[in-house]
Amino acid sequence: MLPKADAETMTLHLAEIGRAVTPGCHAVVVLDGAGLHRTGGRLRVPDNVSLLKLPPYSPELNPVENVWQFLRQNKLSNRVFENYRAIVDACCDAWNALLTEPGRIHSIATRAWAEVSL
């Protein structure tokens, strides 16, 4: 969890992804038109990460949009938070709970039209 979304924090995020990639492999990060993704070339992208920019106004192409929707609807909605720290804690708890359910992530983020048969 970071307190803001800008080129600097996006660079930190990409570095973390790069560290998590299995040696010898490569990650592709899907980007929508969010402001932090349009930073005028200020992002520092690790060598083992590529950025795939989606066309404007195409949230249906970005599977993570379904992940955010699931978290909002099932973990974070209809609540009143006492303060900023409570919001951060609730978001971290929701994210960590979702990480324990890889099958659920697969079910809400998979696109049948994007499946590859090997």
PDB file of N, CA and C in Angstrom:
ATOM      1  N   MET A   1       0.846  -1.179   0.000  1.00  0.00           N
ATOM      2  CA  MET A   1       0.000   0.000   0.000  1.00  0.00           C
ATOM      3  C   MET A   1       0.886   1.235   0.000  1.00  0.00           C
ATOM      4  N   LEU A   2       0.586   2.097  -0.924  1.00  0.00           N
ATOM      5  CA  LEU A   2       1.316   3.359  -1.011  1.00  0.00           C
ATOM      6  C   LEU A   2       0.327   4.511  -0.890  1.00  0.00           C
ATOM      7  N   PRO A   3       0.749   5.631  -0.325  1.00  0.00           N
ATOM      8  CA  PRO A   3      -0.181   6.734  -0.056  1.00  0.00           C
ATOM      9  C   PRO A   3      -0.595   7.539  -1.271  1.00  0.00           C
ATOM     10  N   LYS A   4       0.056   7.340  -2.403  1.00  0.00           N
ATOM     11  CA  LYS A   4      -0.311   8.092  -3.596  1.00  0.00           C
ATOM     12  C   LYS A   4      -0.007   7.249  -4.830  1.00  0.00           C
ATOM     13  N   ALA A   5      -0.520   7.683  -5.958  1.00  0.00           N
ATOM     14  CA  ALA A   5      -0.286   6.998  -7.226  1.00  0.00           C
ATOM     15  C   ALA A   5       0.318   7.998  -8.196  1.00  0.00           C
ATOM     16  N   ASP A   6       1.601   7.818  -8.482  1.00  0.00           N
ATOM     17  CA  ASP A   6       2.279   8.688  -9.422  1.00  0.00           C
ATOM     18  C   ASP A   6       3.415   7.901 -10.064  1.00  0.00           C
ATOM     19  N   ALA A   7       4.222   8.567 -10.875  1.00  0.00           N
ATOM     20  CA  ALA A   7       5.305   7.874 -11.578  1.00  0.00           C
ATOM     21  C   ALA A   7       6.280   7.220 -10.604  1.00  0.00           C
ATOM     22  N   GLU A   8       6.571   7.899  -9.511  1.00  0.00           N
ATOM     23  CA  GLU A   8       7.522   7.358  -8.539  1.00  0.00           C
ATOM     24  C   GLU A   8       6.999   6.064  -7.907  1.00  0.00           C
ATOM     25  N   THR A   9       5.738   6.072  -7.478  1.00  0.00           N
ATOM     26  CA  THR A   9       5.196   4.867  -6.838  1.00  0.00           C
ATOM     27  C   THR A   9       4.966   3.762  -7.864  1.00  0.00           C
ATOM     28  N   MET A  10       4.613   4.121  -9.107  1.00  0.00           N
ATOM     29  CA  MET A  10       4.467   3.111 -10.148  1.00  0.00           C
ATOM     30  C   MET A  10       5.809   2.456 -10.444  1.00  0.00           C
ATOM     31  N   THR A  11       6.872   3.231 -10.420  1.00  0.00           N
ATOM     32  CA  THR A  11       8.216   2.682 -10.618  1.00  0.00           C
ATOM     33  C   THR A  11       8.554   1.704  -9.494  1.00  0.00           C
ATOM     34  N   LEU A  12       8.195   2.039  -8.256  1.00  0.00           N
ATOM     35  CA  LEU A  12       8.404   1.119  -7.136  1.00  0.00           C
ATOM     36  C   LEU A  12       7.621  -0.178  -7.345  1.00  0.00           C
ATOM     37  N   HIS A  13       6.388  -0.037  -7.811  1.00  0.00           N
ATOM     38  CA  HIS A  13       5.527  -1.196  -8.078  1.00  0.00           C
ATOM     39  C   HIS A  13       6.150  -2.092  -9.155  1.00  0.00           C
ATOM     40  N   LEU A  14       6.619  -1.496 -10.227  1.00  0.00           N
ATOM     41  CA  LEU A  14       7.242  -2.274 -11.299  1.00  0.00           C
ATOM     42  C   LEU A  14       8.519  -2.959 -10.827  1.00  0.00           C
ATOM     43  N   ALA A  15       9.295  -2.284  -9.980  1.00  0.00           N
ATOM     44  CA  ALA A  15      10.505  -2.897  -9.431  1.00  0.00           C
ATOM     45  C   ALA A  15      10.160  -4.117  -8.588  1.00  0.00           C
ATOM     46  N   GLU A  16       9.080  -4.017  -7.813  1.00  0.00           N
ATOM     47  CA  GLU A  16       8.647  -5.146  -6.991  1.00  0.00           C
ATOM     48  C   GLU A  16       8.212  -6.317  -7.872  1.00  0.00           C
ATOM     49  N   ILE A  17       7.495  -6.012  -8.946  1.00  0.00           N
ATOM     50  CA  ILE A  17       7.101  -7.069  -9.885  1.00  0.00           C
ATOM     51  C   ILE A  17       8.353  -7.710 -10.479  1.00  0.00           C
ATOM     52  N   GLY A  18       9.294  -6.893 -10.901  1.00  0.00           N
ATOM     53  CA  GLY A  18      10.537  -7.404 -11.479  1.00  0.00           C
ATOM     54  C   GLY A  18      11.281  -8.328 -10.537  1.00  0.00           C
ATOM     55  N   ARG A  19      11.288  -8.014  -9.247  1.00  0.00           N
ATOM     56  CA  ARG A  19      11.951  -8.880  -8.258  1.00  0.00           C
ATOM     57  C   ARG A  19      11.221 -10.202  -8.078  1.00  0.00           C
ATOM     58  N   ALA A  20       9.906 -10.203  -8.317  1.00  0.00           N
ATOM     59  CA  ALA A  20       9.109 -11.420  -8.104  1.00  0.00           C
ATOM     60  C   ALA A  20       9.121 -12.366  -9.306  1.00  0.00           C
ATOM     61  N   VAL A  21       9.608 -11.897 -10.440  1.00  0.00           N
ATOM     62  CA  VAL A  21       9.629 -12.728 -11.649  1.00  0.00           C
ATOM     63  C   VAL A  21      10.692 -13.812 -11.503  1.00  0.00           C
ATOM     64  N   THR A  22      10.311 -15.027 -11.836  1.00  0.00           N
ATOM     65  CA  THR A  22      11.236 -16.157 -11.791  1.00  0.00           C
ATOM     66  C   THR A  22      12.434 -15.869 -12.700  1.00  0.00           C
ATOM     67  N   PRO A  23      13.646 -16.117 -12.214  1.00  0.00           N
ATOM     68  CA  PRO A  23      14.826 -15.873 -13.060  1.00  0.00           C
ATOM     69  C   PRO A  23      14.687 -16.586 -14.410  1.00  0.00           C
ATOM     70  N   GLY A  24      15.049 -15.873 -15.465  1.00  0.00           N
ATOM     71  CA  GLY A  24      14.946 -16.420 -16.810  1.00  0.00           C
ATOM     72  C   GLY A  24      13.584 -16.215 -17.452  1.00  0.00           C
ATOM     73  N   CYS A  25      12.634 -15.676 -16.695  1.00  0.00           N
ATOM     74  CA  CYS A  25      11.290 -15.425 -17.219  1.00  0.00           C
ATOM     75  C   CYS A  25      11.078 -13.929 -17.406  1.00  0.00           C
ATOM     76  N   HIS A  26       9.923 -13.592 -17.938  1.00  0.00           N
ATOM     77  CA  HIS A  26       9.602 -12.194 -18.240  1.00  0.00           C
ATOM     78  C   HIS A  26       8.154 -11.927 -17.859  1.00  0.00           C
ATOM     79  N   ALA A  27       7.860 -10.769 -17.325  1.00  0.00           N
ATOM     80  CA  ALA A  27       6.498 -10.389 -16.948  1.00  0.00           C
ATOM     81  C   ALA A  27       5.960  -9.347 -17.927  1.00  0.00           C
ATOM     82  N   VAL A  28       4.650  -9.421 -18.157  1.00  0.00           N
ATOM     83  CA  VAL A  28       3.961  -8.403 -18.944  1.00  0.00           C
ATOM     84  C   VAL A  28       2.941  -7.760 -18.023  1.00  0.00           C
ATOM     85  N   VAL A  29       2.998  -6.448 -17.887  1.00  0.00           N
ATOM     86  CA  VAL A  29       2.088  -5.694 -17.040  1.00  0.00           C
ATOM     87  C   VAL A  29       1.124  -4.930 -17.944  1.00  0.00           C
ATOM     88  N   VAL A  30      -0.164  -5.188 -17.757  1.00  0.00           N
ATOM     89  CA  VAL A  30      -1.203  -4.531 -18.547  1.00  0.00           C
ATOM     90  C   VAL A  30      -1.505  -3.176 -17.922  1.00  0.00           C
ATOM     91  N   LEU A  31      -1.495  -2.136 -18.746  1.00  0.00           N
ATOM     92  CA  LEU A  31      -1.754  -0.774 -18.271  1.00  0.00           C
ATOM     93  C   LEU A  31      -2.970  -0.200 -18.976  1.00  0.00           C
ATOM     94  N   ASP A  32      -3.809   0.466 -18.205  1.00  0.00           N
ATOM     95  CA  ASP A  32      -4.922   1.200 -18.814  1.00  0.00           C
ATOM     96  C   ASP A  32      -4.507   2.661 -18.950  1.00  0.00           C
ATOM     97  N   GLY A  33      -5.445   3.536 -19.090  1.00  0.00           N
ATOM     98  CA  GLY A  33      -5.122   4.939 -19.299  1.00  0.00           C
ATOM     99  C   GLY A  33      -4.988   5.759 -18.031  1.00  0.00           C
ATOM    100  N   ALA A  34      -4.822   5.117 -16.886  1.00  0.00           N
ATOM    101  CA  ALA A  34      -4.696   5.852 -15.626  1.00  0.00           C
ATOM    102  C   ALA A  34      -3.531   6.836 -15.691  1.00  0.00           C
ATOM    103  N   GLY A  35      -3.685   7.943 -14.998  1.00  0.00           N
ATOM    104  CA  GLY A  35      -2.673   8.988 -15.025  1.00  0.00           C
ATOM    105  C   GLY A  35      -1.286   8.509 -14.645  1.00  0.00           C
ATOM    106  N   LEU A  36      -1.201   7.614 -13.669  1.00  0.00           N
ATOM    107  CA  LEU A  36       0.115   7.149 -13.245  1.00  0.00           C
ATOM    108  C   LEU A  36       0.775   6.280 -14.298  1.00  0.00           C
ATOM    109  N   HIS A  37       0.013   5.815 -15.288  1.00  0.00           N
ATOM    110  CA  HIS A  37       0.591   5.037 -16.377  1.00  0.00           C
ATOM    111  C   HIS A  37       1.045   5.934 -17.519  1.00  0.00           C
ATOM    112  N   ARG A  38       0.583   7.172 -17.534  1.00  0.00           N
ATOM    113  CA  ARG A  38       0.938   8.135 -18.589  1.00  0.00           C
ATOM    114  C   ARG A  38       1.865   9.175 -17.979  1.00  0.00           C
ATOM    115  N   THR A  39       3.101   8.813 -17.811  1.00  0.00           N
ATOM    116  CA  THR A  39       4.021   9.659 -17.043  1.00  0.00           C
ATOM    117  C   THR A  39       5.074  10.330 -17.912  1.00  0.00           C
ATOM    118  N   GLY A  40       4.849  10.353 -19.210  1.00  0.00           N
ATOM    119  CA  GLY A  40       5.798  11.047 -20.080  1.00  0.00           C
ATOM    120  C   GLY A  40       7.186  10.446 -20.075  1.00  0.00           C
ATOM    121  N   GLY A  41       7.278   9.134 -20.003  1.00  0.00           N
ATOM    122  CA  GLY A  41       8.574   8.471 -20.061  1.00  0.00           C
ATOM    123  C   GLY A  41       9.351   8.467 -18.760  1.00  0.00           C
ATOM    124  N   ARG A  42       8.715   8.846 -17.654  1.00  0.00           N
ATOM    125  CA  ARG A  42       9.433   8.903 -16.370  1.00  0.00           C
ATOM    126  C   ARG A  42       9.464   7.580 -15.627  1.00  0.00           C
ATOM    127  N   LEU A  43       8.734   6.553 -16.103  1.00  0.00           N
ATOM    128  CA  LEU A  43       8.765   5.251 -15.428  1.00  0.00           C
ATOM    129  C   LEU A  43      10.095   4.565 -15.701  1.00  0.00           C
ATOM    130  N   ARG A  44      10.620   3.926 -14.678  1.00  0.00           N
ATOM    131  CA  ARG A  44      11.790   3.076 -14.840  1.00  0.00           C
ATOM    132  C   ARG A  44      11.278   1.637 -14.811  1.00  0.00           C
ATOM    133  N   VAL A  45      11.417   0.947 -15.934  1.00  0.00           N
ATOM    134  CA  VAL A  45      10.877  -0.402 -16.095  1.00  0.00           C
ATOM    135  C   VAL A  45      12.030  -1.397 -16.040  1.00  0.00           C
ATOM    136  N   PRO A  46      11.940  -2.403 -15.140  1.00  0.00           N
ATOM    137  CA  PRO A  46      13.001  -3.411 -15.080  1.00  0.00           C
ATOM    138  C   PRO A  46      13.142  -4.149 -16.419  1.00  0.00           C
ATOM    139  N   ASP A  47      14.325  -4.674 -16.674  1.00  0.00           N
ATOM    140  CA  ASP A  47      14.594  -5.374 -17.932  1.00  0.00           C
ATOM    141  C   ASP A  47      13.730  -6.624 -18.112  1.00  0.00           C
ATOM    142  N   ASN A  48      13.252  -7.212 -17.013  1.00  0.00           N
ATOM    143  CA  ASN A  48      12.452  -8.435 -17.120  1.00  0.00           C
ATOM    144  C   ASN A  48      10.945  -8.157 -17.082  1.00  0.00           C
ATOM    145  N   VAL A  49      10.570  -6.914 -17.349  1.00  0.00           N
ATOM    146  CA  VAL A  49       9.164  -6.511 -17.357  1.00  0.00           C
ATOM    147  C   VAL A  49       8.892  -5.713 -18.631  1.00  0.00           C
ATOM    148  N   SER A  50       7.759  -6.018 -19.285  1.00  0.00           N
ATOM    149  CA  SER A  50       7.293  -5.232 -20.432  1.00  0.00           C
ATOM    150  C   SER A  50       5.930  -4.651 -20.096  1.00  0.00           C
ATOM    151  N   LEU A  51       5.641  -3.479 -20.645  1.00  0.00           N
ATOM    152  CA  LEU A  51       4.360  -2.827 -20.430  1.00  0.00           C
ATOM    153  C   LEU A  51       3.486  -2.997 -21.664  1.00  0.00           C
ATOM    154  N   LEU A  52       2.243  -3.415 -21.467  1.00  0.00           N
ATOM    155  CA  LEU A  52       1.269  -3.574 -22.542  1.00  0.00           C
ATOM    156  C   LEU A  52       0.169  -2.550 -22.315  1.00  0.00           C
ATOM    157  N   LYS A  53       0.140  -1.523 -23.133  1.00  0.00           N
ATOM    158  CA  LYS A  53      -0.830  -0.442 -22.967  1.00  0.00           C
ATOM    159  C   LYS A  53      -2.115  -0.779 -23.714  1.00  0.00           C
ATOM    160  N   LEU A  54      -3.230  -0.723 -23.000  1.00  0.00           N
ATOM    161  CA  LEU A  54      -4.530  -0.981 -23.594  1.00  0.00           C
ATOM    162  C   LEU A  54      -5.039   0.250 -24.340  1.00  0.00           C
ATOM    163  N   PRO A  55      -5.941   0.035 -25.294  1.00  0.00           N
ATOM    164  CA  PRO A  55      -6.555   1.185 -25.960  1.00  0.00           C
ATOM    165  C   PRO A  55      -7.385   1.983 -24.948  1.00  0.00           C
ATOM    166  N   PRO A  56      -7.595   3.273 -25.212  1.00  0.00           N
ATOM    167  CA  PRO A  56      -8.419   4.084 -24.303  1.00  0.00           C
ATOM    168  C   PRO A  56      -9.837   3.531 -24.175  1.00  0.00           C
ATOM    169  N   TYR A  57     -10.417   3.714 -23.008  1.00  0.00           N
ATOM    170  CA  TYR A  57     -11.816   3.360 -22.745  1.00  0.00           C
ATOM    171  C   TYR A  57     -12.113   1.889 -23.029  1.00  0.00           C
ATOM    172  N   SER A  58     -11.249   1.004 -22.521  1.00  0.00           N
ATOM    173  CA  SER A  58     -11.456  -0.423 -22.753  1.00  0.00           C
ATOM    174  C   SER A  58     -11.269  -1.230 -21.463  1.00  0.00           C
ATOM    175  N   PRO A  59     -12.006  -0.894 -20.391  1.00  0.00           N
ATOM    176  CA  PRO A  59     -11.809  -1.619 -19.131  1.00  0.00           C
ATOM    177  C   PRO A  59     -12.112  -3.111 -19.248  1.00  0.00           C
ATOM    178  N   GLU A  60     -12.938  -3.489 -20.234  1.00  0.00           N
ATOM    179  CA  GLU A  60     -13.260  -4.906 -20.399  1.00  0.00           C
ATOM    180  C   GLU A  60     -12.043  -5.733 -20.815  1.00  0.00           C
ATOM    181  N   LEU A  61     -11.007  -5.073 -21.311  1.00  0.00           N
ATOM    182  CA  LEU A  61      -9.782  -5.781 -21.703  1.00  0.00           C
ATOM    183  C   LEU A  61      -8.820  -5.973 -20.538  1.00  0.00           C
ATOM    184  N   ASN A  62      -9.066  -5.296 -19.440  1.00  0.00           N
ATOM    185  CA  ASN A  62      -8.153  -5.336 -18.300  1.00  0.00           C
ATOM    186  C   ASN A  62      -8.742  -6.191 -17.185  1.00  0.00           C
ATOM    187  N   PRO A  63      -8.265  -7.428 -17.050  1.00  0.00           N
ATOM    188  CA  PRO A  63      -8.853  -8.341 -16.057  1.00  0.00           C
ATOM    189  C   PRO A  63      -8.768  -7.855 -14.617  1.00  0.00           C
ATOM    190  N   VAL A  64      -7.802  -7.002 -14.301  1.00  0.00           N
ATOM    191  CA  VAL A  64      -7.689  -6.556 -12.916  1.00  0.00           C
ATOM    192  C   VAL A  64      -8.874  -5.679 -12.525  1.00  0.00           C
ATOM    193  N   GLU A  65      -9.571  -5.104 -13.500  1.00  0.00           N
ATOM    194  CA  GLU A  65     -10.767  -4.324 -13.180  1.00  0.00           C
ATOM    195  C   GLU A  65     -11.795  -5.187 -12.453  1.00  0.00           C
ATOM    196  N   ASN A  66     -11.890  -6.477 -12.820  1.00  0.00           N
ATOM    197  CA  ASN A  66     -12.806  -7.383 -12.136  1.00  0.00           C
ATOM    198  C   ASN A  66     -12.333  -7.690 -10.718  1.00  0.00           C
ATOM    199  N   VAL A  67     -11.023  -7.722 -10.534  1.00  0.00           N
ATOM    200  CA  VAL A  67     -10.475  -7.951  -9.189  1.00  0.00           C
ATOM    201  C   VAL A  67     -10.855  -6.783  -8.286  1.00  0.00           C
ATOM    202  N   TRP A  68     -10.656  -5.546  -8.777  1.00  0.00           N
ATOM    203  CA  TRP A  68     -11.009  -4.373  -7.967  1.00  0.00           C
ATOM    204  C   TRP A  68     -12.506  -4.367  -7.667  1.00  0.00           C
ATOM    205  N   GLN A  69     -13.316  -4.700  -8.664  1.00  0.00           N
ATOM    206  CA  GLN A  69     -14.768  -4.733  -8.457  1.00  0.00           C
ATOM    207  C   GLN A  69     -15.133  -5.763  -7.391  1.00  0.00           C
ATOM    208  N   PHE A  70     -14.527  -6.937  -7.455  1.00  0.00           N
ATOM    209  CA  PHE A  70     -14.796  -7.972  -6.454  1.00  0.00           C
ATOM    210  C   PHE A  70     -14.437  -7.470  -5.056  1.00  0.00           C
ATOM    211  N   LEU A  71     -13.260  -6.874  -4.914  1.00  0.00           N
ATOM    212  CA  LEU A  71     -12.837  -6.384  -3.600  1.00  0.00           C
ATOM    213  C   LEU A  71     -13.775  -5.295  -3.081  1.00  0.00           C
ATOM    214  N   ARG A  72     -14.163  -4.375  -3.950  1.00  0.00           N
ATOM    215  CA  ARG A  72     -15.083  -3.322  -3.515  1.00  0.00           C
ATOM    216  C   ARG A  72     -16.421  -3.917  -3.075  1.00  0.00           C
ATOM    217  N   GLN A  73     -16.964  -4.818  -3.872  1.00  0.00           N
ATOM    218  CA  GLN A  73     -18.292  -5.357  -3.581  1.00  0.00           C
ATOM    219  C   GLN A  73     -18.313  -6.318  -2.393  1.00  0.00           C
ATOM    220  N   ASN A  74     -17.246  -7.079  -2.208  1.00  0.00           N
ATOM    221  CA  ASN A  74     -17.270  -8.149  -1.214  1.00  0.00           C
ATOM    222  C   ASN A  74     -16.475  -7.874   0.054  1.00  0.00           C
ATOM    223  N   LYS A  75     -15.579  -6.927   0.020  1.00  0.00           N
ATOM    224  CA  LYS A  75     -14.723  -6.701   1.184  1.00  0.00           C
ATOM    225  C   LYS A  75     -14.735  -5.262   1.704  1.00  0.00           C
ATOM    226  N   LEU A  76     -15.019  -4.304   0.826  1.00  0.00           N
ATOM    227  CA  LEU A  76     -14.802  -2.913   1.216  1.00  0.00           C
ATOM    228  C   LEU A  76     -16.042  -2.033   1.159  1.00  0.00           C
ATOM    229  N   SER A  77     -17.163  -2.556   0.694  1.00  0.00           N
ATOM    230  CA  SER A  77     -18.351  -1.710   0.564  1.00  0.00           C
ATOM    231  C   SER A  77     -19.181  -1.692   1.838  1.00  0.00           C
ATOM    232  N   ASN A  78     -20.069  -0.710   1.907  1.00  0.00           N
ATOM    233  CA  ASN A  78     -21.010  -0.563   3.021  1.00  0.00           C
ATOM    234  C   ASN A  78     -20.313  -0.524   4.376  1.00  0.00           C
ATOM    235  N   ARG A  79     -19.226   0.212   4.442  1.00  0.00           N
ATOM    236  CA  ARG A  79     -18.470   0.348   5.681  1.00  0.00           C
ATOM    237  C   ARG A  79     -18.133   1.811   5.912  1.00  0.00           C
ATOM    238  N   VAL A  80     -17.988   2.150   7.164  1.00  0.00           N
ATOM    239  CA  VAL A  80     -17.524   3.480   7.536  1.00  0.00           C
ATOM    240  C   VAL A  80     -16.186   3.282   8.234  1.00  0.00           C
ATOM    241  N   PHE A  81     -15.193   4.011   7.786  1.00  0.00           N
ATOM    242  CA  PHE A  81     -13.858   3.872   8.354  1.00  0.00           C
ATOM    243  C   PHE A  81     -13.570   5.053   9.275  1.00  0.00           C
ATOM    244  N   GLU A  82     -12.944   4.753  10.393  1.00  0.00           N
ATOM    245  CA  GLU A  82     -12.657   5.798  11.376  1.00  0.00           C
ATOM    246  C   GLU A  82     -11.621   6.798  10.901  1.00  0.00           C
ATOM    247  N   ASN A  83     -10.633   6.299  10.144  1.00  0.00           N
ATOM    248  CA  ASN A  83      -9.539   7.170   9.732  1.00  0.00           C
ATOM    249  C   ASN A  83      -8.797   6.533   8.561  1.00  0.00           C
ATOM    250  N   TYR A  84      -7.793   7.240   8.085  1.00  0.00           N
ATOM    251  CA  TYR A  84      -7.000   6.770   6.954  1.00  0.00           C
ATOM    252  C   TYR A  84      -6.374   5.407   7.245  1.00  0.00           C
ATOM    253  N   ARG A  85      -5.825   5.232   8.429  1.00  0.00           N
ATOM    254  CA  ARG A  85      -5.170   3.974   8.792  1.00  0.00           C
ATOM    255  C   ARG A  85      -6.161   2.810   8.715  1.00  0.00           C
ATOM    256  N   ALA A  86      -7.398   3.029   9.110  1.00  0.00           N
ATOM    257  CA  ALA A  86      -8.422   1.976   9.038  1.00  0.00           C
ATOM    258  C   ALA A  86      -8.713   1.602   7.586  1.00  0.00           C
ATOM    259  N   ILE A  87      -8.685   2.591   6.698  1.00  0.00           N
ATOM    260  CA  ILE A  87      -8.891   2.317   5.273  1.00  0.00           C
ATOM    261  C   ILE A  87      -7.741   1.473   4.732  1.00  0.00           C
ATOM    262  N   VAL A  88      -6.522   1.868   5.043  1.00  0.00           N
ATOM    263  CA  VAL A  88      -5.349   1.118   4.583  1.00  0.00           C
ATOM    264  C   VAL A  88      -5.388  -0.308   5.124  1.00  0.00           C
ATOM    265  N   ASP A  89      -5.695  -0.454   6.414  1.00  0.00           N
ATOM    266  CA  ASP A  89      -5.758  -1.793   7.010  1.00  0.00           C
ATOM    267  C   ASP A  89      -6.829  -2.652   6.341  1.00  0.00           C
ATOM    268  N   ALA A  90      -7.985  -2.075   6.080  1.00  0.00           N
ATOM    269  CA  ALA A  90      -9.073  -2.822   5.429  1.00  0.00           C
ATOM    270  C   ALA A  90      -8.668  -3.242   4.018  1.00  0.00           C
ATOM    271  N   CYS A  91      -8.010  -2.356   3.290  1.00  0.00           N
ATOM    272  CA  CYS A  91      -7.560  -2.694   1.932  1.00  0.00           C
ATOM    273  C   CYS A  91      -6.506  -3.798   1.961  1.00  0.00           C
ATOM    274  N   CYS A  92      -5.571  -3.707   2.898  1.00  0.00           N
ATOM    275  CA  CYS A  92      -4.547  -4.752   3.020  1.00  0.00           C
ATOM    276  C   CYS A  92      -5.177  -6.084   3.408  1.00  0.00           C
ATOM    277  N   ASP A  93      -6.097  -6.059   4.349  1.00  0.00           N
ATOM    278  CA  ASP A  93      -6.783  -7.296   4.762  1.00  0.00           C
ATOM    279  C   ASP A  93      -7.549  -7.912   3.597  1.00  0.00           C
ATOM    280  N   ALA A  94      -8.244  -7.080   2.827  1.00  0.00           N
ATOM    281  CA  ALA A  94      -9.012  -7.580   1.685  1.00  0.00           C
ATOM    282  C   ALA A  94      -8.083  -8.193   0.645  1.00  0.00           C
ATOM    283  N   TRP A  95      -7.002  -7.505   0.332  1.00  0.00           N
ATOM    284  CA  TRP A  95      -6.047  -8.010  -0.660  1.00  0.00           C
ATOM    285  C   TRP A  95      -5.421  -9.316  -0.194  1.00  0.00           C
ATOM    286  N   ASN A  96      -4.962  -9.359   1.050  1.00  0.00           N
ATOM    287  CA  ASN A  96      -4.315 -10.568   1.572  1.00  0.00           C
ATOM    288  C   ASN A  96      -5.286 -11.743   1.623  1.00  0.00           C
ATOM    289  N   ALA A  97      -6.543 -11.488   1.941  1.00  0.00           N
ATOM    290  CA  ALA A  97      -7.548 -12.557   1.933  1.00  0.00           C
ATOM    291  C   ALA A  97      -7.740 -13.090   0.520  1.00  0.00           C
ATOM    292  N   LEU A  98      -7.777 -12.205  -0.447  1.00  0.00           N
ATOM    293  CA  LEU A  98      -7.939 -12.644  -1.837  1.00  0.00           C
ATOM    294  C   LEU A  98      -6.741 -13.466  -2.303  1.00  0.00           C
ATOM    295  N   LEU A  99      -5.548 -13.115  -1.868  1.00  0.00           N
ATOM    296  CA  LEU A  99      -4.356 -13.859  -2.270  1.00  0.00           C
ATOM    297  C   LEU A  99      -4.381 -15.309  -1.803  1.00  0.00           C
ATOM    298  N   THR A 100      -5.143 -15.596  -0.773  1.00  0.00           N
ATOM    299  CA  THR A 100      -5.230 -16.981  -0.286  1.00  0.00           C
ATOM    300  C   THR A 100      -6.187 -17.813  -1.132  1.00  0.00           C
ATOM    301  N   GLU A 101      -6.838 -17.185  -2.119  1.00  0.00           N
ATOM    302  CA  GLU A 101      -7.806 -17.865  -2.972  1.00  0.00           C
ATOM    303  C   GLU A 101      -7.422 -17.755  -4.450  1.00  0.00           C
ATOM    304  N   PRO A 102      -6.347 -18.431  -4.869  1.00  0.00           N
ATOM    305  CA  PRO A 102      -5.935 -18.303  -6.271  1.00  0.00           C
ATOM    306  C   PRO A 102      -7.015 -18.757  -7.256  1.00  0.00           C
ATOM    307  N   GLY A 103      -7.833 -19.708  -6.875  1.00  0.00           N
ATOM    308  CA  GLY A 103      -8.920 -20.146  -7.750  1.00  0.00           C
ATOM    309  C   GLY A 103      -9.929 -19.037  -7.995  1.00  0.00           C
ATOM    310  N   ARG A 104     -10.210 -18.260  -6.972  1.00  0.00           N
ATOM    311  CA  ARG A 104     -11.146 -17.142  -7.125  1.00  0.00           C
ATOM    312  C   ARG A 104     -10.548 -16.066  -8.034  1.00  0.00           C
ATOM    313  N   ILE A 105      -9.270 -15.776  -7.825  1.00  0.00           N
ATOM    314  CA  ILE A 105      -8.612 -14.791  -8.691  1.00  0.00           C
ATOM    315  C   ILE A 105      -8.704 -15.253 -10.138  1.00  0.00           C
ATOM    316  N   HIS A 106      -8.419 -16.517 -10.369  1.00  0.00           N
ATOM    317  CA  HIS A 106      -8.494 -17.061 -11.733  1.00  0.00           C
ATOM    318  C   HIS A 106      -9.910 -16.924 -12.287  1.00  0.00           C
ATOM    319  N   SER A 107     -10.905 -17.220 -11.471  1.00  0.00           N
ATOM    320  CA  SER A 107     -12.285 -17.198 -11.968  1.00  0.00           C
ATOM    321  C   SER A 107     -12.771 -15.782 -12.284  1.00  0.00           C
ATOM    322  N   ILE A 108     -12.312 -14.789 -11.553  1.00  0.00           N
ATOM    323  CA  ILE A 108     -12.805 -13.438 -11.807  1.00  0.00           C
ATOM    324  C   ILE A 108     -11.929 -12.660 -12.778  1.00  0.00           C
ATOM    325  N   ALA A 109     -10.716 -13.131 -13.039  1.00  0.00           N
ATOM    326  CA  ALA A 109      -9.812 -12.375 -13.908  1.00  0.00           C
ATOM    327  C   ALA A 109      -9.545 -13.046 -15.255  1.00  0.00           C
ATOM    328  N   THR A 110     -10.021 -14.260 -15.441  1.00  0.00           N
ATOM    329  CA  THR A 110      -9.759 -14.969 -16.694  1.00  0.00           C
ATOM    330  C   THR A 110     -10.760 -14.565 -17.761  1.00  0.00           C
ATOM    331  N   ARG A 111     -10.285 -14.425 -18.955  1.00  0.00           N
ATOM    332  CA  ARG A 111     -11.133 -14.147 -20.112  1.00  0.00           C
ATOM    333  C   ARG A 111     -11.102 -15.375 -21.014  1.00  0.00           C
ATOM    334  N   ALA A 112     -12.256 -15.960 -21.286  1.00  0.00           N
ATOM    335  CA  ALA A 112     -12.311 -17.170 -22.109  1.00  0.00           C
ATOM    336  C   ALA A 112     -11.680 -16.928 -23.480  1.00  0.00           C
ATOM    337  N   TRP A 113     -11.891 -15.745 -24.043  1.00  0.00           N
ATOM    338  CA  TRP A 113     -11.351 -15.458 -25.370  1.00  0.00           C
ATOM    339  C   TRP A 113      -9.826 -15.322 -25.380  1.00  0.00           C
ATOM    340  N   ALA A 114      -9.231 -15.205 -24.189  1.00  0.00           N
ATOM    341  CA  ALA A 114      -7.773 -15.053 -24.113  1.00  0.00           C
ATOM    342  C   ALA A 114      -7.069 -16.344 -23.725  1.00  0.00           C
ATOM    343  N   GLU A 115      -7.822 -17.413 -23.497  1.00  0.00           N
ATOM    344  CA  GLU A 115      -7.226 -18.695 -23.131  1.00  0.00           C
ATOM    345  C   GLU A 115      -6.344 -19.209 -24.276  1.00  0.00           C
ATOM    346  N   VAL A 116      -5.235 -19.780 -23.917  1.00  0.00           N
ATOM    347  CA  VAL A 116      -4.316 -20.348 -24.900  1.00  0.00           C
ATOM    348  C   VAL A 116      -4.258 -21.842 -24.681  1.00  0.00           C
ATOM    349  N   SER A 117      -4.461 -22.596 -25.733  1.00  0.00           N
ATOM    350  CA  SER A 117      -4.346 -24.059 -25.667  1.00  0.00           C
ATOM    351  C   SER A 117      -2.958 -24.448 -26.103  1.00  0.00           C
ATOM    352  N   LEU A 118      -2.320 -25.222 -25.252  1.00  0.00           N
ATOM    353  CA  LEU A 118      -0.960 -25.697 -25.599  1.00  0.00           C
ATOM    354  C   LEU A 118      -0.983 -27.128 -26.011  1.00  0.00           C
TER     355      LEU A 118
END
